[in-house]
Protein backbone atom coordinates (compact mmCIF):
# COMPACT_ATOMS: atom_id res chain seq x y z
CA MET A 1 16.06 81.29 -97.26
CA LYS A 2 16.53 80.47 -93.57
CA SER A 3 16.93 84.15 -92.67
CA SER A 4 13.74 84.92 -94.63
CA LYS A 5 11.82 82.36 -92.58
CA ILE A 6 13.16 83.82 -89.33
CA ILE A 7 12.16 87.36 -90.37
CA SER A 8 8.73 86.14 -91.49
CA SER A 9 8.14 84.38 -88.17
CA PHE A 10 9.44 87.30 -86.08
CA PHE A 11 7.10 89.73 -87.85
CA HIS A 12 4.12 87.38 -87.75
CA PRO A 13 0.80 89.32 -87.69
CA ILE A 14 -0.01 87.95 -84.23
CA ASN A 15 2.77 90.14 -82.76
CA PHE A 16 1.40 93.50 -83.91
CA PRO A 17 -1.72 94.00 -81.76
CA ILE A 18 0.38 93.99 -78.57
CA ALA A 19 3.16 95.97 -80.30
CA GLY A 20 0.67 98.75 -81.06
CA ALA A 21 -0.49 98.87 -77.44
CA ILE A 22 3.09 99.03 -76.15
CA LEU A 23 3.96 101.89 -78.52
CA TYR A 24 0.76 103.71 -77.55
CA PHE A 25 1.70 103.74 -73.87
CA LEU A 26 5.40 104.44 -74.47
CA LEU A 27 5.11 107.32 -76.92
CA LEU A 28 2.08 109.33 -75.92
CA PRO A 29 1.06 111.69 -73.09
CA LYS A 30 0.29 109.86 -69.84
CA TYR A 31 -3.37 109.75 -68.82
CA LEU A 32 -3.19 106.61 -66.70
CA TYR A 33 -1.22 105.47 -63.69
CA ILE A 34 1.58 103.05 -64.53
CA GLU A 35 -0.28 100.27 -62.70
CA GLN A 36 -3.33 100.82 -64.93
CA GLU A 37 -1.16 100.76 -68.05
CA ARG A 38 0.46 97.51 -66.99
CA LEU A 39 -2.91 95.93 -66.25
CA LEU A 40 -4.29 96.97 -69.64
CA LEU A 41 -1.17 95.67 -71.41
CA ALA A 42 -1.37 92.37 -69.54
CA VAL A 43 -5.01 91.86 -70.51
CA ILE A 44 -4.37 92.91 -74.13
CA PHE A 45 -1.40 90.52 -74.29
CA ILE A 46 -3.51 87.61 -73.06
CA ILE A 47 -6.45 88.40 -75.36
CA THR A 48 -4.54 89.26 -78.54
CA TYR A 49 -1.43 87.08 -78.25
CA ILE A 50 -1.72 84.18 -75.81
CA PHE A 51 -5.31 83.27 -76.70
CA PRO A 52 -4.77 83.38 -80.51
CA LEU A 53 -1.47 81.50 -80.12
CA VAL A 54 -3.22 78.70 -78.23
CA LEU A 55 -5.94 78.64 -80.91
CA ILE A 56 -3.37 78.39 -83.71
CA ILE A 57 -1.59 75.53 -81.92
CA LEU A 58 -4.91 73.73 -81.41
CA LEU A 59 -5.90 74.24 -85.05
CA LYS A 60 -2.59 72.77 -86.17
CA SER A 61 -2.82 69.84 -83.74
CA PHE A 62 -6.32 69.05 -85.07
CA LYS A 63 -4.92 69.39 -88.62
CA MET A 64 -7.26 72.25 -89.49
CA ILE A 65 -4.21 74.15 -90.74
CA ASP A 66 -0.99 72.75 -92.23
CA THR A 67 1.39 75.49 -91.08
CA TYR A 68 1.33 78.40 -88.66
CA HIS A 69 1.46 80.77 -91.63
CA MET A 70 -1.81 79.37 -93.05
CA THR A 71 -0.59 79.33 -96.63
CA THR A 72 -3.76 78.26 -98.47
CA VAL A 73 -6.99 80.18 -99.00
CA GLU A 74 -9.18 77.53 -97.38
CA GLU A 75 -7.16 77.06 -94.19
CA ARG A 76 -7.24 80.82 -93.57
CA LYS A 77 -11.02 81.13 -93.38
CA PHE A 78 -11.79 79.75 -89.92
CA PRO A 79 -8.73 81.26 -88.18
CA LEU A 80 -9.57 84.66 -89.69
CA LEU A 81 -13.08 84.49 -88.23
CA LEU A 82 -11.56 83.80 -84.81
CA PHE A 83 -9.08 86.67 -85.13
CA ILE A 84 -11.84 89.04 -86.32
CA SER A 85 -13.84 88.21 -83.19
CA ILE A 86 -10.82 88.72 -80.93
CA THR A 87 -9.80 92.10 -82.38
CA ILE A 88 -13.35 93.50 -82.46
CA PHE A 89 -13.94 92.35 -78.87
CA THR A 90 -10.66 93.98 -77.77
CA GLY A 91 -11.57 97.23 -79.51
CA TYR A 92 -15.05 97.26 -77.95
CA TRP A 93 -13.68 96.54 -74.48
CA LEU A 94 -11.12 99.36 -74.73
CA PHE A 95 -13.66 101.78 -76.21
CA ARG A 96 -16.07 101.10 -73.35
CA SER A 97 -13.35 102.09 -70.90
CA ALA A 98 -13.65 105.66 -72.29
CA VAL A 99 -9.99 106.27 -71.37
CA VAL A 100 -8.02 104.86 -74.30
CA ASP A 101 -10.41 105.57 -77.18
CA LEU A 102 -7.68 105.93 -79.80
CA LEU A 103 -6.11 102.63 -78.80
CA SER A 104 -9.49 100.97 -79.32
CA LEU A 105 -9.52 102.35 -82.89
CA PHE A 106 -6.33 100.40 -83.59
CA TYR A 107 -8.17 97.13 -82.94
CA PHE A 108 -11.32 98.20 -84.76
CA GLY A 109 -9.10 99.01 -87.75
CA TYR A 110 -7.43 95.61 -87.59
CA GLY A 111 -10.83 93.96 -87.25
CA LEU A 112 -12.13 95.75 -90.34
CA GLY A 113 -8.98 94.82 -92.27
CA LEU A 114 -9.41 91.16 -91.32
CA ILE A 115 -13.07 91.23 -92.37
CA LEU A 116 -12.09 92.55 -95.81
CA ALA A 117 -9.27 89.99 -96.04
CA TYR A 118 -11.80 87.26 -95.18
CA ILE A 119 -14.23 88.43 -97.88
CA LEU A 120 -11.41 88.48 -100.45
CA LEU A 121 -10.68 84.80 -99.72
CA TYR A 122 -13.94 83.95 -101.49
CA PHE A 123 -12.50 85.62 -104.58
CA LYS A 124 -9.36 83.45 -104.20
CA ILE A 125 -7.32 86.50 -103.15
CA LYS A 126 -4.96 85.75 -100.27
CA VAL A 127 -4.05 89.14 -98.83
CA SER A 128 -0.66 89.33 -97.09
CA LEU A 129 -1.55 89.63 -93.42
CA HIS A 130 2.11 90.35 -92.65
CA THR A 131 2.14 93.59 -94.64
CA ALA A 132 -1.42 94.41 -93.54
CA ALA A 133 -0.37 94.12 -89.89
CA ILE A 134 2.65 96.40 -90.27
CA SER A 135 0.87 98.98 -92.42
CA GLY A 136 -2.00 98.95 -89.91
CA LEU A 137 0.50 99.88 -87.22
CA ILE A 138 1.89 102.60 -89.52
CA GLY A 139 -1.60 104.06 -89.97
CA PHE A 140 -2.21 103.94 -86.23
CA ILE A 141 1.06 105.71 -85.39
CA ALA A 142 0.39 108.29 -88.12
CA TYR A 143 -2.97 109.40 -86.75
CA LEU A 144 -1.68 109.29 -83.18
CA SER A 145 1.07 111.67 -84.25
CA PHE A 146 -1.49 113.96 -85.89
CA TYR A 147 -3.99 113.81 -83.00
CA TYR A 148 -1.51 114.43 -80.18
CA LYS A 149 0.77 116.73 -82.24
CA VAL A 150 3.75 114.49 -81.43
CA ASN A 151 6.61 114.03 -83.91
CA LEU A 152 6.81 110.28 -84.56
CA ILE A 153 8.47 110.48 -87.96
CA VAL A 154 11.40 108.26 -86.91
CA ILE A 155 9.06 105.50 -85.74
CA LEU A 156 7.09 105.76 -88.99
CA ALA A 157 10.27 105.61 -91.07
CA VAL A 158 11.46 102.49 -89.24
CA LEU A 159 8.06 100.82 -89.69
CA LEU A 160 8.03 101.66 -93.40
CA LEU A 161 11.49 100.13 -93.74
CA LEU A 162 10.35 97.01 -91.88
CA ASN A 163 7.30 96.79 -94.11
CA GLY A 164 9.55 96.78 -97.17
CA ILE A 165 11.76 94.09 -95.66
CA VAL A 166 8.83 91.88 -94.69
CA ALA A 167 7.17 92.33 -98.09
CA THR A 168 10.42 91.30 -99.80
CA VAL A 169 10.76 88.28 -97.52
CA ARG A 170 7.19 87.14 -98.19
CA LEU A 171 7.85 87.37 -101.93
CA ARG A 172 11.15 85.48 -101.59
CA LEU A 173 9.40 82.71 -99.70
CA GLN A 174 6.78 82.64 -102.48
CA ALA A 175 4.11 82.95 -99.80
CA HIS A 176 2.40 85.69 -101.80
CA LYS A 177 2.28 87.32 -105.19
CA PHE A 178 3.24 90.99 -105.52
CA ASN A 179 -0.38 92.16 -105.79
CA GLU A 180 -1.27 90.30 -102.54
CA VAL A 181 1.59 91.97 -100.68
CA LEU A 182 0.66 95.39 -102.06
CA LEU A 183 -3.01 94.83 -101.29
CA GLY A 184 -2.12 93.91 -97.71
CA PHE A 185 -0.21 97.18 -97.32
CA ILE A 186 -3.06 99.27 -98.74
CA LEU A 187 -5.73 97.40 -96.76
CA GLY A 188 -3.94 97.76 -93.43
CA LEU A 189 -3.32 101.47 -93.95
CA LEU A 190 -6.74 102.45 -95.28
CA THR A 191 -8.78 100.58 -92.66
CA GLN A 192 -6.92 102.37 -89.86
CA PHE A 193 -7.51 105.77 -91.46
CA LEU A 194 -11.16 104.94 -92.18
CA VAL A 195 -11.87 104.01 -88.57
CA TYR A 196 -10.10 107.17 -87.35
CA PHE A 197 -12.06 109.44 -89.71
CA ILE A 198 -15.36 107.84 -88.65
CA TYR A 199 -14.40 108.39 -85.01
CA MET A 200 -13.56 112.05 -85.65
CA MET A 201 -16.80 112.83 -87.52
């Protein structure tokens, strides 16, 4: 059980927005100077990791959430609204730069996924944000591979394996039911593909 908690914390959804940006700059053709990449990564890290982390800590200190994993339907609502705002803002900011359009799609996809997850809360459905985050990254890497004609099959295989491990861990911790874990996977994947197809139209 302890190892499950460690894995669940390590693969917390808050880690994936910056992970996607790092993979984007590491794996794909270079269009920016290294200094520009570092600056973009630094800003993305502050916006998508440091800022949300501070918000989560504040929410817990003000007892608006019981745990950092936000286990109940009600305590997820306000944090999700905050995260939706952050991801959409990040996507818009990157899209406006007109240099890293595909990276901006990653955040628009996450934002859309979070919006759908928020709506489902009103139907008492608590989507697994852990599996949604990883499958969102899988979708992002998949269409990057297709767009740039780069073979990223090993990265995709590793991410799929991690998704299976995290899904199993979330079930072992009884944080979610099977349908919530599966729905998270489908939601994360489809929202990324949907945003990409809209962009390519």
